[in-house]
Protein backbone atom coordinates (compact mmCIF):
# COMPACT_ATOMS: atom_id res chain seq x y z
CA MET A 1 -6.84 -6.66 -23.15
CA ALA A 2 -4.65 -9.67 -22.61
CA SER A 3 -4.59 -11.72 -19.45
CA TRP A 4 -1.23 -12.22 -17.74
CA SER A 5 -1.20 -15.80 -19.05
CA GLU A 6 -1.78 -14.62 -22.63
CA PHE A 7 1.00 -12.05 -22.28
CA ALA A 8 3.32 -14.68 -20.75
CA ALA A 9 2.53 -17.14 -23.56
CA ASP A 10 3.35 -14.46 -26.15
CA GLU A 11 6.55 -13.23 -24.45
CA PRO A 12 7.60 -15.75 -21.76
CA ARG A 13 11.08 -14.35 -21.17
CA LEU A 14 9.83 -10.79 -20.70
CA ALA A 15 7.01 -12.00 -18.41
CA ASP A 16 9.51 -13.99 -16.30
CA GLU A 17 11.81 -10.99 -15.90
CA ILE A 18 8.91 -8.71 -14.92
CA ARG A 19 7.70 -11.34 -12.44
CA LEU A 20 11.19 -11.52 -10.90
CA LEU A 21 11.31 -7.75 -10.35
CA LEU A 22 7.80 -7.65 -8.87
CA GLN A 23 8.58 -10.61 -6.59
CA GLN A 24 12.19 -9.77 -5.67
CA TYR A 25 11.24 -9.08 -2.03
CA GLY A 26 8.90 -12.05 -1.58
CA PRO A 27 5.36 -12.65 -2.81
CA GLY A 28 5.08 -9.29 -4.58
CA PHE A 29 5.77 -5.63 -4.10
CA GLY A 30 5.09 -2.70 -6.37
CA TYR A 31 3.42 0.66 -6.75
CA LEU A 32 -0.13 0.74 -8.05
CA ALA A 33 -1.33 3.86 -9.84
CA THR A 34 -5.07 4.36 -10.23
CA VAL A 35 -7.21 7.19 -11.61
CA ARG A 36 -9.00 9.37 -9.04
CA ALA A 37 -12.53 10.61 -9.71
CA ASP A 38 -11.13 14.03 -10.63
CA GLY A 39 -8.82 12.39 -13.21
CA GLY A 40 -5.65 12.76 -11.20
CA PRO A 41 -3.30 9.91 -10.34
CA ARG A 42 -3.25 8.03 -7.05
CA VAL A 43 -0.21 5.87 -6.15
CA HIS A 44 0.05 3.31 -3.33
CA PRO A 45 2.27 0.33 -2.56
CA VAL A 46 0.61 -3.06 -3.11
CA SER A 47 1.48 -6.75 -3.06
CA PRO A 48 0.54 -8.17 -6.46
CA VAL A 49 0.10 -11.93 -6.81
CA ILE A 50 1.31 -13.48 -10.06
CA THR A 51 0.20 -16.99 -10.95
CA ASP A 52 0.36 -18.94 -14.18
CA ASP A 53 -3.25 -17.86 -14.75
CA GLY A 54 -3.13 -14.17 -13.99
CA LEU A 55 -1.87 -11.01 -12.33
CA TYR A 56 -3.94 -10.28 -9.24
CA CYS A 57 -4.07 -7.86 -6.35
CA PHE A 58 -6.05 -7.82 -3.12
CA VAL A 59 -7.27 -4.29 -2.39
CA ILE A 60 -8.80 -3.33 0.96
CA ASP A 61 -11.69 -0.87 1.25
CA SER A 62 -9.87 2.32 0.33
CA PRO A 63 -9.81 5.18 -2.19
CA LYS A 64 -7.68 3.07 -4.57
CA ARG A 65 -10.28 0.27 -4.49
CA ARG A 66 -13.03 2.77 -5.28
CA ASP A 67 -10.84 4.07 -8.13
CA LEU A 68 -10.55 0.56 -9.58
CA GLU A 69 -14.27 -0.12 -9.16
CA ARG A 70 -15.17 3.15 -10.92
CA ASP A 71 -12.43 3.28 -13.56
CA GLY A 72 -10.39 0.10 -13.94
CA ARG A 73 -7.35 1.72 -15.52
CA TYR A 74 -4.16 0.99 -13.62
CA ALA A 75 -0.39 1.03 -13.88
CA LEU A 76 1.84 -1.20 -11.76
CA HIS A 77 5.52 -0.37 -11.27
CA SER A 78 8.13 -2.50 -9.56
CA PHE A 79 10.02 -1.37 -6.49
CA PRO A 80 13.63 -0.60 -7.49
CA PRO A 81 16.21 -3.28 -6.64
CA GLU A 82 18.99 -2.27 -4.26
CA GLU A 83 21.76 -3.15 -6.72
CA SER A 84 20.40 -1.48 -9.87
CA ASP A 85 17.85 0.89 -11.33
CA ASP A 86 16.10 -1.87 -13.30
CA GLU A 87 12.35 -1.45 -13.51
CA ALA A 88 9.22 -3.24 -14.63
CA TYR A 89 5.95 -1.61 -15.63
CA VAL A 90 2.58 -3.14 -16.53
CA ALA A 91 -0.60 -1.26 -17.41
CA GLY A 92 -4.12 -2.16 -18.43
CA ARG A 93 -7.49 -2.65 -16.75
CA ALA A 94 -8.45 -4.16 -13.40
CA HIS A 95 -11.55 -6.33 -13.07
CA PRO A 96 -13.11 -7.64 -9.83
CA VAL A 97 -12.83 -11.42 -9.47
CA THR A 98 -16.12 -12.98 -8.36
CA ASP A 99 -15.42 -16.70 -8.81
CA PRO A 100 -15.12 -18.12 -5.26
CA ALA A 101 -12.69 -20.87 -6.31
CA THR A 102 -10.34 -18.37 -7.95
CA VAL A 103 -10.57 -16.02 -4.96
CA ALA A 104 -9.80 -18.88 -2.54
CA ARG A 105 -6.89 -20.18 -4.64
CA VAL A 106 -5.26 -16.75 -5.03
CA ALA A 107 -5.91 -15.93 -1.36
CA GLY A 108 -3.99 -19.06 -0.40
CA ILE A 109 -1.08 -18.18 -2.69
CA GLY A 110 -1.02 -14.52 -1.58
CA ARG A 111 -1.59 -15.36 2.09
CA ALA A 112 -4.50 -12.91 2.21
CA ALA A 113 -6.00 -12.53 5.68
CA PRO A 114 -9.45 -14.16 5.64
CA HIS A 115 -11.27 -11.62 7.86
CA VAL A 116 -10.24 -8.43 6.11
CA ASP A 117 -12.51 -6.35 3.88
CA TRP A 118 -10.54 -6.87 0.68
CA ARG A 119 -11.60 -7.47 -2.89
CA LEU A 120 -9.58 -9.41 -5.43
CA PHE A 121 -8.88 -7.77 -8.80
CA GLU A 122 -7.36 -9.34 -11.88
CA PHE A 123 -5.18 -7.02 -13.94
CA THR A 124 -5.20 -7.39 -17.70
CA VAL A 125 -2.12 -6.33 -19.64
CA ASP A 126 -2.21 -3.77 -22.44
CA VAL A 127 1.42 -2.71 -22.06
CA ALA A 128 4.41 -4.35 -20.38
CA MET A 129 7.83 -2.75 -20.17
CA LEU A 130 11.15 -3.81 -18.73
CA THR A 131 14.16 -1.51 -18.43
CA ARG A 132 17.61 -2.92 -17.63
CA ARG A 133 20.56 -0.69 -16.91
CA ASP A 134 24.09 -2.03 -16.88
CA GLN A 135 26.79 -0.69 -14.59
CA ALA A 136 28.19 1.53 -17.33
CA ALA A 137 24.85 3.35 -17.52
CA HIS A 138 25.38 4.56 -13.95
CA LEU A 139 28.54 6.27 -15.09
CA GLY A 140 26.84 7.79 -18.12
CA ALA A 141 28.63 5.56 -20.65
CA GLY A 142 25.96 2.91 -21.27
CA ARG A 143 22.40 3.00 -22.45
CA PRO A 144 19.43 1.33 -20.82
CA GLN A 145 17.90 -1.63 -22.61
CA VAL A 146 14.15 -1.15 -22.88
CA ARG A 147 11.79 -3.92 -23.97
CA VAL A 148 8.13 -3.14 -24.57
CA TRP A 149 5.20 -5.45 -25.29
CA LEU A 150 1.91 -4.06 -26.58
CA ASP A 151 -1.22 -6.19 -26.60
CA PRO A 152 -1.80 -6.92 -30.29
CA GLN A 153 -5.57 -6.97 -29.65
CA ALA A 154 -5.66 -3.54 -27.96
CA THR A 155 -7.40 -0.78 -29.83
CA ALA A 156 -5.36 2.11 -31.21
CA PRO A 157 -6.73 4.78 -28.78
CA ALA A 158 -5.55 2.73 -25.78
CA ARG A 159 -1.97 2.88 -27.07
CA ARG A 160 -0.73 6.30 -26.21
CA GLY A 161 2.81 7.50 -26.42
CA PRO A 162 5.36 7.63 -29.20
CA ALA A 163 4.43 5.60 -32.22
CA VAL A 164 6.85 2.96 -33.44
CA PRO A 165 6.92 2.67 -37.23
CA GLU A 166 5.76 -0.78 -38.36
CA GLY A 167 9.18 -1.56 -39.86
CA ARG A 168 10.85 -0.85 -36.49
CA ARG A 169 8.74 -3.30 -34.48
CA GLY A 170 9.97 -6.70 -33.45
CA ARG A 171 7.96 -9.89 -33.79
CA HIS A 172 5.53 -9.03 -31.00
CA GLY A 173 5.40 -5.24 -31.18
CA PHE A 174 8.73 -4.55 -29.49
CA ASP A 175 10.39 -1.29 -30.30
CA THR A 176 13.70 -2.44 -31.79
CA ARG A 177 15.25 1.02 -31.84
CA ARG A 178 18.08 1.79 -29.44
CA PRO A 179 17.12 4.45 -26.89
CA ALA A 180 18.33 7.97 -27.53
CA ALA A 181 21.47 9.08 -25.72
């Protein structure tokens, strides 16, 4: 599980583009998916905070917070921009942050209300994906450009989905194939 800073050091351009989509409406806006106790998905809007050190989210006392405390798996998806269907996706594990200095620093950046029952979580990154669609794609003529980063330290069972043959991977695990029509 890579921290946001490790991911950003490995793929700075991809991290910057994902950050721009997550912060396009201000400090941060996206949809957080967690795993309910019965195994089903739960999705809620959140305001992630991205710093040079990490990807964080303040979560109030709620079912999604209990989901993260019980089973840290998460997926975070950007809110779609008005002018395109571009999207960013990050998935991994959430961990409660207990260091008071880190909590105070991120609370200042994220403008977290001091008297609210929230808990700060740091999100590690196992998978990061960015999809860009040009104008032609809206008319059916173009293809989306998809860039995927997989944590090189992640174990094989955590990587689900279509396998990319080793010869088809870019320098950092990117799928270099063009998407199917």
